[in-house]
PDB file of N, CA and C in Angstrom:
ATOM      1  N   MET A   1    -180.117 -69.418-165.378  1.00  0.00           N
ATOM      2  CA  MET A   1    -179.957 -68.733-166.648  1.00  0.00           C
ATOM      3  C   MET A   1    -179.084 -67.502-166.440  1.00  0.00           C
ATOM      4  N   VAL A   2    -178.306 -67.227-167.430  1.00  0.00           N
ATOM      5  CA  VAL A   2    -177.437 -66.053-167.383  1.00  0.00           C
ATOM      6  C   VAL A   2    -177.905 -65.029-168.405  1.00  0.00           C
ATOM      7  N   PRO A   3    -177.714 -63.744-168.114  1.00  0.00           N
ATOM      8  CA  PRO A   3    -178.053 -62.738-169.125  1.00  0.00           C
ATOM      9  C   PRO A   3    -177.122 -62.910-170.323  1.00  0.00           C
ATOM     10  N   ALA A   4    -177.696 -63.050-171.501  1.00  0.00           N
ATOM     11  CA  ALA A   4    -176.889 -63.253-172.704  1.00  0.00           C
ATOM     12  C   ALA A   4    -176.822 -61.975-173.536  1.00  0.00           C
ATOM     13  N   ILE A   5    -177.970 -61.365-173.794  1.00  0.00           N
ATOM     14  CA  ILE A   5    -177.994 -60.108-174.543  1.00  0.00           C
ATOM     15  C   ILE A   5    -179.183 -59.267-174.094  1.00  0.00           C
ATOM     16  N   ARG A   6    -179.126 -57.981-174.397  1.00  0.00           N
ATOM     17  CA  ARG A   6    -180.252 -57.069-174.157  1.00  0.00           C
ATOM     18  C   ARG A   6    -180.374 -56.182-175.383  1.00  0.00           C
ATOM     19  N   ALA A   7    -181.614 -55.897-175.759  1.00  0.00           N
ATOM     20  CA  ALA A   7    -181.863 -55.056-176.928  1.00  0.00           C
ATOM     21  C   ALA A   7    -183.070 -54.164-176.646  1.00  0.00           C
ATOM     22  N   THR A   8    -183.168 -53.093-177.412  1.00  0.00           N
ATOM     23  CA  THR A   8    -184.349 -52.240-177.373  1.00  0.00           C
ATOM     24  C   THR A   8    -185.188 -52.555-178.597  1.00  0.00           C
ATOM     25  N   ALA A   9    -186.453 -52.851-178.378  1.00  0.00           N
ATOM     26  CA  ALA A   9    -187.363 -53.138-179.484  1.00  0.00           C
ATOM     27  C   ALA A   9    -187.664 -51.842-180.234  1.00  0.00           C
ATOM     28  N   MET A  10    -187.381 -51.842-181.511  1.00  0.00           N
ATOM     29  CA  MET A  10    -187.526 -50.633-182.324  1.00  0.00           C
ATOM     30  C   MET A  10    -188.716 -50.761-183.280  1.00  0.00           C
ATOM     31  N   ALA A  11    -189.184 -49.633-183.783  1.00  0.00           N
ATOM     32  CA  ALA A  11    -190.332 -49.608-184.693  1.00  0.00           C
ATOM     33  C   ALA A  11    -190.088 -50.448-185.942  1.00  0.00           C
ATOM     34  N   VAL A  12    -188.856 -50.492-186.418  1.00  0.00           N
ATOM     35  CA  VAL A  12    -188.545 -51.281-187.615  1.00  0.00           C
ATOM     36  C   VAL A  12    -188.781 -52.779-187.370  1.00  0.00           C
ATOM     37  N   ASP A  13    -188.825 -53.209-186.104  1.00  0.00           N
ATOM     38  CA  ASP A  13    -189.021 -54.610-185.748  1.00  0.00           C
ATOM     39  C   ASP A  13    -190.485 -54.962-185.484  1.00  0.00           C
ATOM     40  N   ALA A  14    -191.382 -54.012-185.699  1.00  0.00           N
ATOM     41  CA  ALA A  14    -192.802 -54.221-185.402  1.00  0.00           C
ATOM     42  C   ALA A  14    -193.520 -54.915-186.555  1.00  0.00           C
ATOM     43  N   ASN A  15    -194.591 -55.628-186.197  1.00  0.00           N
ATOM     44  CA  ASN A  15    -195.455 -56.242-187.204  1.00  0.00           C
ATOM     45  C   ASN A  15    -196.560 -55.258-187.588  1.00  0.00           C
ATOM     46  N   PRO A  16    -197.417 -55.605-188.535  1.00  0.00           N
ATOM     47  CA  PRO A  16    -198.467 -54.670-188.958  1.00  0.00           C
ATOM     48  C   PRO A  16    -199.468 -54.302-187.862  1.00  0.00           C
ATOM     49  N   TYR A  17    -199.445 -55.029-186.733  1.00  0.00           N
ATOM     50  CA  TYR A  17    -200.396 -54.766-185.647  1.00  0.00           C
ATOM     51  C   TYR A  17    -199.797 -53.900-184.543  1.00  0.00           C
ATOM     52  N   GLY A  18    -198.528 -53.496-184.704  1.00  0.00           N
ATOM     53  CA  GLY A  18    -197.924 -52.567-183.763  1.00  0.00           C
ATOM     54  C   GLY A  18    -197.114 -53.186-182.642  1.00  0.00           C
ATOM     55  N   SER A  19    -197.100 -54.519-182.531  1.00  0.00           N
ATOM     56  CA  SER A  19    -196.218 -55.146-181.542  1.00  0.00           C
ATOM     57  C   SER A  19    -195.016 -55.741-182.282  1.00  0.00           C
ATOM     58  N   ILE A  20    -194.039 -56.171-181.531  1.00  0.00           N
ATOM     59  CA  ILE A  20    -192.797 -56.647-182.148  1.00  0.00           C
ATOM     60  C   ILE A  20    -193.020 -58.011-182.797  1.00  0.00           C
ATOM     61  N   PHE A  21    -192.518 -58.145-184.008  1.00  0.00           N
ATOM     62  CA  PHE A  21    -192.614 -59.352-184.822  1.00  0.00           C
ATOM     63  C   PHE A  21    -191.896 -60.504-184.120  1.00  0.00           C
ATOM     64  N   VAL A  22    -192.575 -61.659-183.984  1.00  0.00           N
ATOM     65  CA  VAL A  22    -191.942 -62.785-183.292  1.00  0.00           C
ATOM     66  C   VAL A  22    -190.710 -63.279-184.033  1.00  0.00           C
ATOM     67  N   GLY A  23    -190.614 -63.041-185.319  1.00  0.00           N
ATOM     68  CA  GLY A  23    -189.419 -63.416-186.064  1.00  0.00           C
ATOM     69  C   GLY A  23    -188.192 -62.678-185.554  1.00  0.00           C
ATOM     70  N   TRP A  24    -188.366 -61.408-185.178  1.00  0.00           N
ATOM     71  CA  TRP A  24    -187.263 -60.647-184.597  1.00  0.00           C
ATOM     72  C   TRP A  24    -186.879 -61.247-183.250  1.00  0.00           C
ATOM     73  N   LEU A  25    -187.888 -61.581-182.434  1.00  0.00           N
ATOM     74  CA  LEU A  25    -187.600 -62.193-181.136  1.00  0.00           C
ATOM     75  C   LEU A  25    -186.852 -63.508-181.307  1.00  0.00           C
ATOM     76  N   MET A  26    -187.292 -64.328-182.252  1.00  0.00           N
ATOM     77  CA  MET A  26    -186.635 -65.615-182.480  1.00  0.00           C
ATOM     78  C   MET A  26    -185.183 -65.418-182.920  1.00  0.00           C
ATOM     79  N   GLY A  27    -184.930 -64.439-183.747  1.00  0.00           N
ATOM     80  CA  GLY A  27    -183.567 -64.154-184.177  1.00  0.00           C
ATOM     81  C   GLY A  27    -182.680 -63.732-183.018  1.00  0.00           C
ATOM     82  N   GLN A  28    -183.206 -62.870-182.152  1.00  0.00           N
ATOM     83  CA  GLN A  28    -182.452 -62.440-180.978  1.00  0.00           C
ATOM     84  C   GLN A  28    -182.232 -63.605-180.014  1.00  0.00           C
ATOM     85  N   MET A  29    -183.241 -64.473-179.901  1.00  0.00           N
ATOM     86  CA  MET A  29    -183.106 -65.659-179.054  1.00  0.00           C
ATOM     87  C   MET A  29    -181.995 -66.568-179.585  1.00  0.00           C
ATOM     88  N   ALA A  30    -181.914 -66.713-180.897  1.00  0.00           N
ATOM     89  CA  ALA A  30    -180.856 -67.529-181.500  1.00  0.00           C
ATOM     90  C   ALA A  30    -179.488 -66.921-181.223  1.00  0.00           C
ATOM     91  N   LEU A  31    -179.387 -65.582-181.265  1.00  0.00           N
ATOM     92  CA  LEU A  31    -178.125 -64.923-180.934  1.00  0.00           C
ATOM     93  C   LEU A  31    -177.729 -65.193-179.482  1.00  0.00           C
ATOM     94  N   ALA A  32    -178.697 -65.149-178.574  1.00  0.00           N
ATOM     95  CA  ALA A  32    -178.422 -65.421-177.165  1.00  0.00           C
ATOM     96  C   ALA A  32    -177.951 -66.860-176.976  1.00  0.00           C
ATOM     97  N   ALA A  33    -178.621 -67.793-177.636  1.00  0.00           N
ATOM     98  CA  ALA A  33    -178.225 -69.201-177.550  1.00  0.00           C
ATOM     99  C   ALA A  33    -176.815 -69.385-178.100  1.00  0.00           C
ATOM    100  N   GLY A  34    -176.527 -68.748-179.221  1.00  0.00           N
ATOM    101  CA  GLY A  34    -175.208 -68.843-179.826  1.00  0.00           C
ATOM    102  C   GLY A  34    -174.118 -68.262-178.947  1.00  0.00           C
ATOM    103  N   SER A  35    -174.449 -67.226-178.209  1.00  0.00           N
ATOM    104  CA  SER A  35    -173.469 -66.599-177.329  1.00  0.00           C
ATOM    105  C   SER A  35    -172.995 -67.574-176.252  1.00  0.00           C
ATOM    106  N   VAL A  36    -173.928 -68.227-175.564  1.00  0.00           N
ATOM    107  CA  VAL A  36    -173.523 -69.149-174.495  1.00  0.00           C
ATOM    108  C   VAL A  36    -172.916 -70.431-175.066  1.00  0.00           C
ATOM    109  N   ALA A  37    -173.412 -70.900-176.208  1.00  0.00           N
ATOM    110  CA  ALA A  37    -172.859 -72.115-176.812  1.00  0.00           C
ATOM    111  C   ALA A  37    -171.434 -71.894-177.304  1.00  0.00           C
ATOM    112  N   SER A  38    -171.177 -70.767-177.952  1.00  0.00           N
ATOM    113  CA  SER A  38    -169.833 -70.464-178.444  1.00  0.00           C
ATOM    114  C   SER A  38    -168.845 -70.305-177.300  1.00  0.00           C
ATOM    115  N   GLN A  39    -169.301 -69.723-176.208  1.00  0.00           N
ATOM    116  CA  GLN A  39    -168.434 -69.575-175.041  1.00  0.00           C
ATOM    117  C   GLN A  39    -168.082 -70.952-174.480  1.00  0.00           C
ATOM    118  N   ARG A  40    -169.070 -71.851-174.428  1.00  0.00           N
ATOM    119  CA  ARG A  40    -168.833 -73.195-173.879  1.00  0.00           C
ATOM    120  C   ARG A  40    -167.850 -73.987-174.727  1.00  0.00           C
ATOM    121  N   CYS A  41    -168.042 -73.978-176.046  1.00  0.00           N
ATOM    122  CA  CYS A  41    -167.192 -74.807-176.913  1.00  0.00           C
ATOM    123  C   CYS A  41    -165.965 -74.062-177.427  1.00  0.00           C
ATOM    124  N   ARG A  42    -165.850 -72.773-177.068  1.00  0.00           N
ATOM    125  CA  ARG A  42    -164.708 -71.955-177.474  1.00  0.00           C
ATOM    126  C   ARG A  42    -164.521 -71.921-178.985  1.00  0.00           C
ATOM    127  N   GLY A  43    -165.644 -71.808-179.678  1.00  0.00           N
ATOM    128  CA  GLY A  43    -165.575 -71.759-181.135  1.00  0.00           C
ATOM    129  C   GLY A  43    -166.937 -71.514-181.740  1.00  0.00           C
ATOM    130  N   ARG A  44    -167.013 -71.742-183.017  1.00  0.00           N
ATOM    131  CA  ARG A  44    -168.242 -71.544-183.774  1.00  0.00           C
ATOM    132  C   ARG A  44    -169.284 -72.579-183.363  1.00  0.00           C
ATOM    133  N   ALA A  45    -170.531 -72.136-183.226  1.00  0.00           N
ATOM    134  CA  ALA A  45    -171.618 -73.033-182.831  1.00  0.00           C
ATOM    135  C   ALA A  45    -172.912 -72.581-183.502  1.00  0.00           C
ATOM    136  N   PRO A  46    -173.139 -72.978-184.748  1.00  0.00           N
ATOM    137  CA  PRO A  46    -174.357 -72.564-185.437  1.00  0.00           C
ATOM    138  C   PRO A  46    -175.605 -73.293-184.927  1.00  0.00           C
ATOM    139  N   VAL A  47    -176.737 -72.632-185.071  1.00  0.00           N
ATOM    140  CA  VAL A  47    -178.027 -73.228-184.736  1.00  0.00           C
ATOM    141  C   VAL A  47    -178.388 -74.253-185.809  1.00  0.00           C
ATOM    142  N   VAL A  48    -178.782 -75.453-185.369  1.00  0.00           N
ATOM    143  CA  VAL A  48    -179.226 -76.486-186.307  1.00  0.00           C
ATOM    144  C   VAL A  48    -180.676 -76.890-186.080  1.00  0.00           C
ATOM    145  N   GLY A  49    -181.261 -76.404-184.988  1.00  0.00           N
ATOM    146  CA  GLY A  49    -182.661 -76.715-184.718  1.00  0.00           C
ATOM    147  C   GLY A  49    -183.221 -75.786-183.659  1.00  0.00           C
ATOM    148  N   ALA A  50    -184.542 -75.656-183.649  1.00  0.00           N
ATOM    149  CA  ALA A  50    -185.230 -74.821-182.670  1.00  0.00           C
ATOM    150  C   ALA A  50    -186.593 -75.433-182.398  1.00  0.00           C
ATOM    151  N   SER A  51    -187.049 -75.346-181.141  1.00  0.00           N
ATOM    152  CA  SER A  51    -188.331 -75.960-180.793  1.00  0.00           C
ATOM    153  C   SER A  51    -188.914 -75.331-179.532  1.00  0.00           C
ATOM    154  N   ASP A  52    -190.109 -75.767-179.232  1.00  0.00           N
ATOM    155  CA  ASP A  52    -190.792 -75.429-177.976  1.00  0.00           C
ATOM    156  C   ASP A  52    -190.941 -73.936-177.724  1.00  0.00           C
ATOM    157  N   PHE A  53    -191.268 -73.193-178.776  1.00  0.00           N
ATOM    158  CA  PHE A  53    -191.460 -71.756-178.608  1.00  0.00           C
ATOM    159  C   PHE A  53    -192.797 -71.464-177.949  1.00  0.00           C
ATOM    160  N   SER A  54    -192.767 -70.477-177.073  1.00  0.00           N
ATOM    161  CA  SER A  54    -193.976 -69.997-176.417  1.00  0.00           C
ATOM    162  C   SER A  54    -193.875 -68.485-176.338  1.00  0.00           C
ATOM    163  N   PHE A  55    -194.886 -67.796-176.868  1.00  0.00           N
ATOM    164  CA  PHE A  55    -194.917 -66.338-176.837  1.00  0.00           C
ATOM    165  C   PHE A  55    -196.099 -65.949-175.960  1.00  0.00           C
ATOM    166  N   VAL A  56    -195.802 -65.509-174.736  1.00  0.00           N
ATOM    167  CA  VAL A  56    -196.851 -65.348-173.732  1.00  0.00           C
ATOM    168  C   VAL A  56    -197.260 -63.905-173.464  1.00  0.00           C
ATOM    169  N   ALA A  57    -196.462 -62.942-173.904  1.00  0.00           N
ATOM    170  CA  ALA A  57    -196.808 -61.526-173.728  1.00  0.00           C
ATOM    171  C   ALA A  57    -196.221 -60.737-174.884  1.00  0.00           C
ATOM    172  N   PRO A  58    -196.965 -59.781-175.410  1.00  0.00           N
ATOM    173  CA  PRO A  58    -196.429 -58.995-176.524  1.00  0.00           C
ATOM    174  C   PRO A  58    -195.308 -58.069-176.069  1.00  0.00           C
ATOM    175  N   VAL A  59    -194.376 -57.848-176.976  1.00  0.00           N
ATOM    176  CA  VAL A  59    -193.305 -56.875-176.754  1.00  0.00           C
ATOM    177  C   VAL A  59    -193.671 -55.644-177.569  1.00  0.00           C
ATOM    178  N   SER A  60    -193.566 -54.478-176.945  1.00  0.00           N
ATOM    179  CA  SER A  60    -193.951 -53.225-177.588  1.00  0.00           C
ATOM    180  C   SER A  60    -192.734 -52.446-178.051  1.00  0.00           C
ATOM    181  N   ILE A  61    -192.953 -51.577-179.005  1.00  0.00           N
ATOM    182  CA  ILE A  61    -191.900 -50.684-179.475  1.00  0.00           C
ATOM    183  C   ILE A  61    -191.367 -49.888-178.278  1.00  0.00           C
ATOM    184  N   GLY A  62    -190.053 -49.860-178.138  1.00  0.00           N
ATOM    185  CA  GLY A  62    -189.420 -49.127-177.048  1.00  0.00           C
ATOM    186  C   GLY A  62    -189.106 -49.963-175.824  1.00  0.00           C
ATOM    187  N   ASP A  63    -189.676 -51.168-175.725  1.00  0.00           N
ATOM    188  CA  ASP A  63    -189.389 -52.027-174.574  1.00  0.00           C
ATOM    189  C   ASP A  63    -187.915 -52.404-174.541  1.00  0.00           C
ATOM    190  N   ASP A  64    -187.365 -52.519-173.337  1.00  0.00           N
ATOM    191  CA  ASP A  64    -186.053 -53.133-173.157  1.00  0.00           C
ATOM    192  C   ASP A  64    -186.313 -54.635-173.074  1.00  0.00           C
ATOM    193  N   VAL A  65    -185.603 -55.390-173.876  1.00  0.00           N
ATOM    194  CA  VAL A  65    -185.843 -56.830-173.959  1.00  0.00           C
ATOM    195  C   VAL A  65    -184.568 -57.557-173.554  1.00  0.00           C
ATOM    196  N   SER A  66    -184.671 -58.396-172.534  1.00  0.00           N
ATOM    197  CA  SER A  66    -183.521 -59.150-172.025  1.00  0.00           C
ATOM    198  C   SER A  66    -183.677 -60.617-172.387  1.00  0.00           C
ATOM    199  N   PHE A  67    -182.575 -61.206-172.840  1.00  0.00           N
ATOM    200  CA  PHE A  67    -182.558 -62.597-173.279  1.00  0.00           C
ATOM    201  C   PHE A  67    -181.613 -63.373-172.365  1.00  0.00           C
ATOM    202  N   TYR A  68    -182.164 -64.356-171.661  1.00  0.00           N
ATOM    203  CA  TYR A  68    -181.404 -65.177-170.731  1.00  0.00           C
ATOM    204  C   TYR A  68    -181.273 -66.566-171.331  1.00  0.00           C
ATOM    205  N   ALA A  69    -180.081 -67.170-171.211  1.00  0.00           N
ATOM    206  CA  ALA A  69    -179.850 -68.467-171.834  1.00  0.00           C
ATOM    207  C   ALA A  69    -179.045 -69.371-170.919  1.00  0.00           C
ATOM    208  N   VAL A  70    -179.294 -70.668-171.049  1.00  0.00           N
ATOM    209  CA  VAL A  70    -178.542 -71.659-170.284  1.00  0.00           C
ATOM    210  C   VAL A  70    -178.460 -72.950-171.099  1.00  0.00           C
ATOM    211  N   ILE A  71    -177.314 -73.588-171.039  1.00  0.00           N
ATOM    212  CA  ILE A  71    -177.152 -74.888-171.694  1.00  0.00           C
ATOM    213  C   ILE A  71    -177.830 -75.927-170.806  1.00  0.00           C
ATOM    214  N   THR A  72    -178.795 -76.633-171.372  1.00  0.00           N
ATOM    215  CA  THR A  72    -179.550 -77.626-170.603  1.00  0.00           C
ATOM    216  C   THR A  72    -179.135 -79.054-170.923  1.00  0.00           C
ATOM    217  N   GLY A  73    -178.325 -79.234-171.957  1.00  0.00           N
ATOM    218  CA  GLY A  73    -177.855 -80.570-172.292  1.00  0.00           C
ATOM    219  C   GLY A  73    -176.763 -80.507-173.339  1.00  0.00           C
ATOM    220  N   THR A  74    -175.913 -81.537-173.328  1.00  0.00           N
ATOM    221  CA  THR A  74    -174.871 -81.643-174.334  1.00  0.00           C
ATOM    222  C   THR A  74    -174.813 -83.066-174.858  1.00  0.00           C
ATOM    223  N   GLY A  75    -174.435 -83.165-176.113  1.00  0.00           N
ATOM    224  CA  GLY A  75    -174.120 -84.445-176.724  1.00  0.00           C
ATOM    225  C   GLY A  75    -172.642 -84.417-177.055  1.00  0.00           C
ATOM    226  N   ARG A  76    -172.223 -85.257-177.974  1.00  0.00           N
ATOM    227  CA  ARG A  76    -170.807 -85.260-178.358  1.00  0.00           C
ATOM    228  C   ARG A  76    -170.405 -83.911-178.950  1.00  0.00           C
ATOM    229  N   SER A  77    -171.189 -83.428-179.922  1.00  0.00           N
ATOM    230  CA  SER A  77    -170.867 -82.144-180.552  1.00  0.00           C
ATOM    231  C   SER A  77    -172.023 -81.146-180.461  1.00  0.00           C
ATOM    232  N   SER A  78    -173.135 -81.545-179.896  1.00  0.00           N
ATOM    233  CA  SER A  78    -174.305 -80.664-179.854  1.00  0.00           C
ATOM    234  C   SER A  78    -174.573 -80.140-178.448  1.00  0.00           C
ATOM    235  N   MET A  79    -175.268 -79.019-178.416  1.00  0.00           N
ATOM    236  CA  MET A  79    -175.694 -78.405-177.162  1.00  0.00           C
ATOM    237  C   MET A  79    -177.150 -77.976-177.302  1.00  0.00           C
ATOM    238  N   THR A  80    -177.920 -78.200-176.257  1.00  0.00           N
ATOM    239  CA  THR A  80    -179.290 -77.695-176.200  1.00  0.00           C
ATOM    240  C   THR A  80    -179.278 -76.488-175.270  1.00  0.00           C
ATOM    241  N   VAL A  81    -179.836 -75.379-175.760  1.00  0.00           N
ATOM    242  CA  VAL A  81    -179.830 -74.127-174.997  1.00  0.00           C
ATOM    243  C   VAL A  81    -181.268 -73.641-174.843  1.00  0.00           C
ATOM    244  N   ALA A  82    -181.679 -73.421-173.595  1.00  0.00           N
ATOM    245  CA  ALA A  82    -182.986 -72.831-173.312  1.00  0.00           C
ATOM    246  C   ALA A  82    -182.824 -71.319-173.214  1.00  0.00           C
ATOM    247  N   VAL A  83    -183.773 -70.596-173.792  1.00  0.00           N
ATOM    248  CA  VAL A  83    -183.729 -69.133-173.780  1.00  0.00           C
ATOM    249  C   VAL A  83    -185.062 -68.595-173.258  1.00  0.00           C
ATOM    250  N   ASP A  84    -184.995 -67.685-172.304  1.00  0.00           N
ATOM    251  CA  ASP A  84    -186.167 -66.966-171.806  1.00  0.00           C
ATOM    252  C   ASP A  84    -186.030 -65.499-172.184  1.00  0.00           C
ATOM    253  N   VAL A  85    -187.149 -64.892-172.532  1.00  0.00           N
ATOM    254  CA  VAL A  85    -187.188 -63.489-172.938  1.00  0.00           C
ATOM    255  C   VAL A  85    -188.054 -62.720-171.941  1.00  0.00           C
ATOM    256  N   TRP A  86    -187.522 -61.618-171.451  1.00  0.00           N
ATOM    257  CA  TRP A  86    -188.251 -60.757-170.530  1.00  0.00           C
ATOM    258  C   TRP A  86    -188.301 -59.351-171.103  1.00  0.00           C
ATOM    259  N   ARG A  87    -189.451 -58.708-170.971  1.00  0.00           N
ATOM    260  CA  ARG A  87    -189.631 -57.346-171.462  1.00  0.00           C
ATOM    261  C   ARG A  87    -189.822 -56.406-170.271  1.00  0.00           C
ATOM    262  N   ARG A  88    -189.370 -55.168-170.469  1.00  0.00           N
ATOM    263  CA  ARG A  88    -189.585 -54.108-169.479  1.00  0.00           C
ATOM    264  C   ARG A  88    -189.973 -52.855-170.229  1.00  0.00           C
ATOM    265  N   ASP A  89    -191.075 -52.264-169.807  1.00  0.00           N
ATOM    266  CA  ASP A  89    -191.477 -50.985-170.375  1.00  0.00           C
ATOM    267  C   ASP A  89    -190.355 -49.993-170.127  1.00  0.00           C
ATOM    268  N   ARG A  90    -189.986 -49.284-171.148  1.00  0.00           N
ATOM    269  CA  ARG A  90    -188.853 -48.367-171.079  1.00  0.00           C
ATOM    270  C   ARG A  90    -188.991 -47.339-169.950  1.00  0.00           C
ATOM    271  N   HIS A  91    -190.208 -47.004-169.575  1.00  0.00           N
ATOM    272  CA  HIS A  91    -190.431 -45.950-168.586  1.00  0.00           C
ATOM    273  C   HIS A  91    -190.852 -46.501-167.228  1.00  0.00           C
ATOM    274  N   GLY A  92    -190.689 -47.787-167.010  1.00  0.00           N
ATOM    275  CA  GLY A  92    -191.113 -48.368-165.738  1.00  0.00           C
ATOM    276  C   GLY A  92    -190.125 -49.393-165.221  1.00  0.00           C
ATOM    277  N   ASP A  93    -190.505 -49.994-164.110  1.00  0.00           N
ATOM    278  CA  ASP A  93    -189.639 -50.985-163.481  1.00  0.00           C
ATOM    279  C   ASP A  93    -190.169 -52.407-163.620  1.00  0.00           C
ATOM    280  N   GLY A  94    -191.453 -52.550-163.921  1.00  0.00           N
ATOM    281  CA  GLY A  94    -192.044 -53.876-163.986  1.00  0.00           C
ATOM    282  C   GLY A  94    -191.533 -54.684-165.170  1.00  0.00           C
ATOM    283  N   THR A  95    -191.328 -55.970-164.937  1.00  0.00           N
ATOM    284  CA  THR A  95    -190.902 -56.863-166.006  1.00  0.00           C
ATOM    285  C   THR A  95    -191.952 -57.955-166.209  1.00  0.00           C
ATOM    286  N   GLU A  96    -191.911 -58.550-167.379  1.00  0.00           N
ATOM    287  CA  GLU A  96    -192.872 -59.591-167.724  1.00  0.00           C
ATOM    288  C   GLU A  96    -192.189 -60.567-168.680  1.00  0.00           C
ATOM    289  N   ARG A  97    -192.392 -61.844-168.411  1.00  0.00           N
ATOM    290  CA  ARG A  97    -191.853 -62.843-169.331  1.00  0.00           C
ATOM    291  C   ARG A  97    -192.636 -62.766-170.633  1.00  0.00           C
ATOM    292  N   ALA A  98    -191.903 -62.702-171.742  1.00  0.00           N
ATOM    293  CA  ALA A  98    -192.540 -62.540-173.045  1.00  0.00           C
ATOM    294  C   ALA A  98    -192.480 -63.797-173.902  1.00  0.00           C
ATOM    295  N   ALA A  99    -191.411 -64.582-173.763  1.00  0.00           N
ATOM    296  CA  ALA A  99    -191.255 -65.748-174.640  1.00  0.00           C
ATOM    297  C   ALA A  99    -190.221 -66.705-174.076  1.00  0.00           C
ATOM    298  N   SER A 100    -190.237 -67.922-174.626  1.00  0.00           N
ATOM    299  CA  SER A 100    -189.209 -68.909-174.307  1.00  0.00           C
ATOM    300  C   SER A 100    -189.083 -69.863-175.483  1.00  0.00           C
ATOM    301  N   GLY A 101    -187.982 -70.579-175.526  1.00  0.00           N
ATOM    302  CA  GLY A 101    -187.759 -71.549-176.584  1.00  0.00           C
ATOM    303  C   GLY A 101    -186.457 -72.284-176.360  1.00  0.00           C
ATOM    304  N   GLN A 102    -186.234 -73.321-177.167  1.00  0.00           N
ATOM    305  CA  GLN A 102    -185.012 -74.107-177.081  1.00  0.00           C
ATOM    306  C   GLN A 102    -184.329 -74.156-178.434  1.00  0.00           C
ATOM    307  N   PHE A 103    -183.011 -74.174-178.391  1.00  0.00           N
ATOM    308  CA  PHE A 103    -182.202 -74.230-179.607  1.00  0.00           C
ATOM    309  C   PHE A 103    -181.193 -75.357-179.495  1.00  0.00           C
ATOM    310  N   THR A 104    -180.909 -75.980-180.616  1.00  0.00           N
ATOM    311  CA  THR A 104    -179.837 -76.969-180.702  1.00  0.00           C
ATOM    312  C   THR A 104    -178.737 -76.364-181.561  1.00  0.00           C
ATOM    313  N   LEU A 105    -177.529 -76.387-181.037  1.00  0.00           N
ATOM    314  CA  LEU A 105    -176.369 -75.836-181.734  1.00  0.00           C
ATOM    315  C   LEU A 105    -175.287 -76.907-181.794  1.00  0.00           C
ATOM    316  N   VAL A 106    -174.412 -76.808-182.782  1.00  0.00           N
ATOM    317  CA  VAL A 106    -173.342 -77.785-182.954  1.00  0.00           C
ATOM    318  C   VAL A 106    -171.993 -77.084-182.895  1.00  0.00           C
ATOM    319  N   SER A 107    -171.096 -77.647-182.096  1.00  0.00           N
ATOM    320  CA  SER A 107    -169.733 -77.157-182.012  1.00  0.00           C
ATOM    321  C   SER A 107    -169.001 -77.505-183.303  1.00  0.00           C
ATOM    322  N   MET A 108    -168.409 -76.488-183.943  1.00  0.00           N
ATOM    323  CA  MET A 108    -167.733 -76.693-185.225  1.00  0.00           C
ATOM    324  C   MET A 108    -166.247 -76.398-185.107  1.00  0.00           C
ATOM    325  N   GLY A 109    -165.446 -77.225-185.761  1.00  0.00           N
ATOM    326  CA  GLY A 109    -164.007 -76.999-185.821  1.00  0.00           C
ATOM    327  C   GLY A 109    -163.665 -76.018-186.926  1.00  0.00           C
ATOM    328  N   GLU A 110    -162.398 -75.658-187.012  1.00  0.00           N
ATOM    329  CA  GLU A 110    -161.953 -74.734-188.049  1.00  0.00           C
ATOM    330  C   GLU A 110    -162.120 -75.319-189.447  1.00  0.00           C
ATOM    331  N   ASP A 111    -162.215 -76.656-189.532  1.00  0.00           N
ATOM    332  CA  ASP A 111    -162.410 -77.316-190.825  1.00  0.00           C
ATOM    333  C   ASP A 111    -163.873 -77.330-191.260  1.00  0.00           C
ATOM    334  N   GLY A 112    -164.749 -76.736-190.428  1.00  0.00           N
ATOM    335  CA  GLY A 112    -166.167 -76.681-190.765  1.00  0.00           C
ATOM    336  C   GLY A 112    -166.928 -77.953-190.448  1.00  0.00           C
ATOM    337  N   LYS A 113    -166.316 -78.860-189.708  1.00  0.00           N
ATOM    338  CA  LYS A 113    -166.956 -80.125-189.340  1.00  0.00           C
ATOM    339  C   LYS A 113    -167.229 -80.145-187.840  1.00  0.00           C
ATOM    340  N   PRO A 114    -168.281 -80.866-187.436  1.00  0.00           N
ATOM    341  CA  PRO A 114    -168.571 -80.954-186.002  1.00  0.00           C
ATOM    342  C   PRO A 114    -167.364 -81.483-185.219  1.00  0.00           C
ATOM    343  N   ARG A 115    -167.196 -80.931-184.029  1.00  0.00           N
ATOM    344  CA  ARG A 115    -166.130 -81.395-183.141  1.00  0.00           C
ATOM    345  C   ARG A 115    -166.707 -81.539-181.739  1.00  0.00           C
ATOM    346  N   PRO A 116    -166.096 -82.358-180.900  1.00  0.00           N
ATOM    347  CA  PRO A 116    -166.614 -82.523-179.540  1.00  0.00           C
ATOM    348  C   PRO A 116    -166.737 -81.186-178.817  1.00  0.00           C
ATOM    349  N   VAL A 117    -167.803 -81.049-178.071  1.00  0.00           N
ATOM    350  CA  VAL A 117    -168.083 -79.811-177.325  1.00  0.00           C
ATOM    351  C   VAL A 117    -166.913 -79.427-176.432  1.00  0.00           C
ATOM    352  N   ASP A 118    -166.352 -80.405-175.754  1.00  0.00           N
ATOM    353  CA  ASP A 118    -165.292 -80.110-174.787  1.00  0.00           C
ATOM    354  C   ASP A 118    -163.891 -80.332-175.334  1.00  0.00           C
ATOM    355  N   ASP A 119    -163.735 -80.272-176.664  1.00  0.00           N
ATOM    356  CA  ASP A 119    -162.430 -80.468-177.297  1.00  0.00           C
ATOM    357  C   ASP A 119    -161.382 -79.483-176.788  1.00  0.00           C
ATOM    358  N   HIS A 120    -161.803 -78.280-176.446  1.00  0.00           N
ATOM    359  CA  HIS A 120    -160.856 -77.259-176.009  1.00  0.00           C
ATOM    360  C   HIS A 120    -160.267 -77.570-174.636  1.00  0.00           C
ATOM    361  N   LEU A 121    -160.857 -78.512-173.907  1.00  0.00           N
ATOM    362  CA  LEU A 121    -160.382 -78.857-172.576  1.00  0.00           C
ATOM    363  C   LEU A 121    -159.245 -79.871-172.602  1.00  0.00           C
ATOM    364  N   ILE A 122    -159.048 -80.498-173.749  1.00  0.00           N
ATOM    365  CA  ILE A 122    -158.038 -81.572-173.858  1.00  0.00           C
ATOM    366  C   ILE A 122    -156.651 -80.991-173.972  1.00  0.00           C
TER     367      ILE A 122
END
C-alpha cells in the first residue's frame, strides 16, 4: 500500500458522541482510492461501488489520519482499490489501524464513457 492522503480529524467531522463520523472517514477513503485509480488510468475514475468496510478503532478529534491505498484488481475499465486507515494521536508516536474498505472505480474517457484502464499505454 502506498500513502495516498493524510488529514487531521477536526471537530466539525465529529459525531454526537465525540468521535469522528464514519461518513467522513468513508469520504476520505474514497478520495484516497480515487487518487491511486486516477494515477493508474491517467484520467477520471469515479467510485461506482464500495464494500467490506471495517471500523476497528475510533478516530478522535485532532488525530492525524493516514489513508493508504493499493489497486488489488483490474478489469477492462474497472479497478478495485483497497484502502487502510491509520490514526495517530496528535501528541504521540503510536499508531493504530482504524478502518479498511474496498472501492470499485471506473476509468472514464473525455466523452464520459468507460474506457480501458490501460488505454493511455497504447
